[in-house]
Amino acid sequence: MNEKMEQILKKQKQQVDEPQVQEEDVIQLVGFVVGDEEFAVPILSIKEIIKPIEYTRVPKTPSYILGVFNMRGSVLPLVDLKHKFGMPKTKFNDETRVIVLKNENEEQVGFVIEELSEALRIKESDIEPAPETSGKDNLIYGVGRIDDRLVTILQIETLLKRDF
């Protein structure tokens, strides 16, 4: 048997003989920017990320609801996330995107975000619980620490709850 094959077999035997180390749970997220803050949502809650498309305004809806748009035969609400968070309306530019989120019931809503940042992997131990806020519907799942920055992780079920 050649030396390379012996090394491979030796390494396999070590892996079998050594006790398995439990890897800490890691949450996969997609980060994006709204205002001056970085937010994230679980990657599995994302249906699609698209460039802004034409939408139709719907009368008597809150000002953060831009209207509705058609995505492959489904009419979905379009929410300006920045404005929903109490900031001035988003000014569309080349970085602006619509992130279509879905919940466990397959309800879908499009959210206008200012720009995508990156895919993130955060250990559960690096996520602090949501800070106490007023109101019962907390939009925040927790705050993740990545190196020297903080990322607010949003609660999908609460975010998609229709309050209009």
Protein backbone atom coordinates (compact mmCIF):
# COMPACT_ATOMS: atom_id res chain seq x y z
CA MET A 1 0.00 0.00 0.00
CA ASN A 2 1.38 3.42 -0.88
CA GLU A 3 2.10 6.08 1.70
CA LYS A 4 -0.79 8.39 0.64
CA MET A 5 -3.34 5.61 1.07
CA GLU A 6 -1.95 4.73 4.50
CA GLN A 7 -2.36 8.37 5.61
CA ILE A 8 -5.98 8.44 4.44
CA LEU A 9 -6.79 5.18 6.25
CA LYS A 10 -5.03 6.38 9.40
CA LYS A 11 -7.01 9.64 9.34
CA GLN A 12 -10.29 7.76 8.88
CA LYS A 13 -9.47 5.46 11.80
CA GLN A 14 -8.71 8.50 14.01
CA GLN A 15 -12.08 10.05 13.12
CA VAL A 16 -13.87 6.81 14.01
CA ASP A 17 -11.95 6.30 17.27
CA GLU A 18 -12.16 9.92 18.50
CA PRO A 19 -15.32 10.98 20.33
CA GLN A 20 -17.59 13.16 18.24
CA VAL A 21 -17.47 16.80 19.28
CA GLN A 22 -20.90 18.38 19.17
CA GLU A 23 -20.79 21.44 16.97
CA GLU A 24 -22.69 24.42 18.36
CA ASP A 25 -25.92 25.32 16.58
CA VAL A 26 -25.40 27.97 13.92
CA ILE A 27 -28.16 30.11 12.46
CA GLN A 28 -27.86 31.10 8.81
CA LEU A 29 -29.13 34.59 8.04
CA VAL A 30 -29.17 37.17 5.28
CA GLY A 31 -28.16 40.66 6.34
CA PHE A 32 -29.44 43.92 4.92
CA VAL A 33 -29.35 47.63 5.66
CA VAL A 34 -32.31 49.82 6.61
CA GLY A 35 -31.42 53.36 7.58
CA ASP A 36 -28.08 53.20 9.36
CA GLU A 37 -28.76 49.82 10.94
CA GLU A 38 -27.99 46.27 9.87
CA PHE A 39 -30.79 43.73 10.18
CA ALA A 40 -31.02 40.06 9.32
CA VAL A 41 -33.63 37.38 8.71
CA PRO A 42 -33.27 33.60 8.63
CA ILE A 43 -32.28 32.44 5.16
CA LEU A 44 -35.06 29.84 5.09
CA SER A 45 -37.72 32.56 5.44
CA ILE A 46 -36.63 34.21 2.18
CA LYS A 47 -38.68 33.36 -0.87
CA GLU A 48 -36.81 35.65 -3.23
CA ILE A 49 -34.74 38.82 -3.50
CA ILE A 50 -35.52 41.00 -6.50
CA LYS A 51 -34.89 44.46 -7.88
CA PRO A 52 -37.73 46.91 -7.27
CA ILE A 53 -40.65 46.38 -9.62
CA GLU A 54 -43.80 48.23 -10.54
CA TYR A 55 -46.48 48.27 -7.86
CA THR A 56 -50.03 49.58 -7.51
CA ARG A 57 -50.97 51.88 -4.63
CA VAL A 58 -53.90 50.70 -2.49
CA PRO A 59 -56.13 53.38 -0.95
CA LYS A 60 -56.66 53.64 2.83
CA THR A 61 -53.61 51.64 3.83
CA PRO A 62 -50.91 52.85 6.22
CA SER A 63 -48.25 55.07 4.65
CA TYR A 64 -45.56 52.37 4.95
CA ILE A 65 -47.59 50.12 2.62
CA LEU A 66 -46.43 51.16 -0.84
CA GLY A 67 -49.09 49.03 -2.49
CA VAL A 68 -49.27 45.59 -4.08
CA PHE A 69 -47.23 43.91 -6.79
CA ASN A 70 -47.57 40.83 -8.94
CA MET A 71 -45.02 38.07 -8.48
CA ARG A 72 -45.70 35.11 -10.75
CA GLY A 73 -49.46 35.40 -10.50
CA SER A 74 -49.56 36.14 -6.75
CA VAL A 75 -50.51 39.63 -5.60
CA LEU A 76 -48.34 40.55 -2.62
CA PRO A 77 -48.25 43.59 -0.33
CA LEU A 78 -45.16 45.79 -0.66
CA VAL A 79 -43.90 47.34 2.59
CA ASP A 80 -41.30 50.09 2.93
CA LEU A 81 -39.42 48.60 5.89
CA LYS A 82 -37.56 51.82 6.65
CA HIS A 83 -40.83 53.76 6.86
CA LYS A 84 -42.47 50.96 8.92
CA PHE A 85 -39.62 51.39 11.42
CA GLY A 86 -40.54 55.08 11.78
CA MET A 87 -37.88 56.55 9.51
CA PRO A 88 -38.32 58.62 6.33
CA LYS A 89 -39.43 56.71 3.23
CA THR A 90 -36.78 54.80 1.28
CA LYS A 91 -35.31 56.59 -1.72
CA PHE A 92 -34.89 53.98 -4.45
CA ASN A 93 -31.43 53.63 -6.02
CA ASP A 94 -29.30 50.92 -7.65
CA GLU A 95 -28.77 49.15 -4.30
CA THR A 96 -32.46 49.04 -3.35
CA ARG A 97 -33.98 45.55 -3.29
CA VAL A 98 -37.27 43.86 -2.48
CA ILE A 99 -36.89 40.90 -0.17
CA VAL A 100 -39.91 38.59 -0.31
CA LEU A 101 -40.36 36.81 3.00
CA LYS A 102 -42.62 33.88 3.84
CA ASN A 103 -43.76 32.38 7.10
CA GLU A 104 -44.68 28.82 8.05
CA ASN A 105 -48.17 29.31 6.56
CA GLU A 106 -46.60 30.35 3.24
CA GLU A 107 -47.95 33.91 3.61
CA GLN A 108 -45.70 36.24 1.65
CA VAL A 109 -44.89 39.95 1.82
CA GLY A 110 -42.34 42.03 -0.09
CA PHE A 111 -40.18 44.41 1.93
CA VAL A 112 -38.19 47.25 0.40
CA ILE A 113 -34.67 47.36 1.84
CA GLU A 114 -31.91 49.85 1.09
CA GLU A 115 -29.22 47.28 0.32
CA LEU A 116 -28.16 43.70 0.96
CA SER A 117 -25.10 43.28 3.14
CA GLU A 118 -24.07 39.60 3.31
CA ALA A 119 -24.94 36.05 4.22
CA LEU A 120 -24.28 35.49 7.90
CA ARG A 121 -23.64 32.48 10.12
CA ILE A 122 -24.09 33.23 13.82
CA LYS A 123 -23.73 30.80 16.71
CA GLU A 124 -26.78 30.74 18.95
CA SER A 125 -24.53 31.60 21.89
CA ASP A 126 -23.66 34.88 20.11
CA ILE A 127 -27.32 35.95 19.96
CA GLU A 128 -28.67 37.98 22.86
CA PRO A 129 -32.42 37.84 23.54
CA ALA A 130 -34.63 40.62 22.25
CA PRO A 131 -34.43 43.74 24.40
CA GLU A 132 -37.56 44.66 26.34
CA THR A 133 -39.67 46.96 24.19
CA SER A 134 -43.07 48.48 24.54
CA GLY A 135 -45.96 46.59 23.03
CA LYS A 136 -46.68 42.91 22.83
CA ASP A 137 -45.66 42.41 19.18
CA ASN A 138 -41.89 42.52 19.31
CA LEU A 139 -40.33 42.57 15.85
CA ILE A 140 -36.93 41.57 17.22
CA TYR A 141 -35.89 37.93 17.70
CA GLY A 142 -32.51 38.89 19.10
CA VAL A 143 -29.29 40.80 18.58
CA GLY A 144 -26.35 38.91 17.09
CA ARG A 145 -22.71 39.72 17.73
CA ILE A 146 -20.41 39.35 14.75
CA ASP A 147 -16.85 40.42 15.52
CA ASP A 148 -17.21 44.08 16.54
CA ARG A 149 -20.69 44.77 15.18
CA LEU A 150 -24.28 44.07 16.18
CA VAL A 151 -26.99 42.77 13.85
CA THR A 152 -30.67 42.94 14.76
CA ILE A 153 -32.40 39.67 13.86
CA LEU A 154 -36.04 40.18 12.97
CA GLN A 155 -38.95 37.96 14.05
CA ILE A 156 -40.56 36.74 10.81
CA GLU A 157 -43.98 35.81 12.21
CA THR A 158 -44.41 39.26 13.77
CA LEU A 159 -43.01 41.06 10.74
CA LEU A 160 -45.47 39.33 8.40
CA LYS A 161 -48.47 39.86 10.70
CA ARG A 162 -50.99 42.01 8.85
CA ASP A 163 -51.78 45.09 10.89
CA PHE A 164 -53.45 46.97 8.08
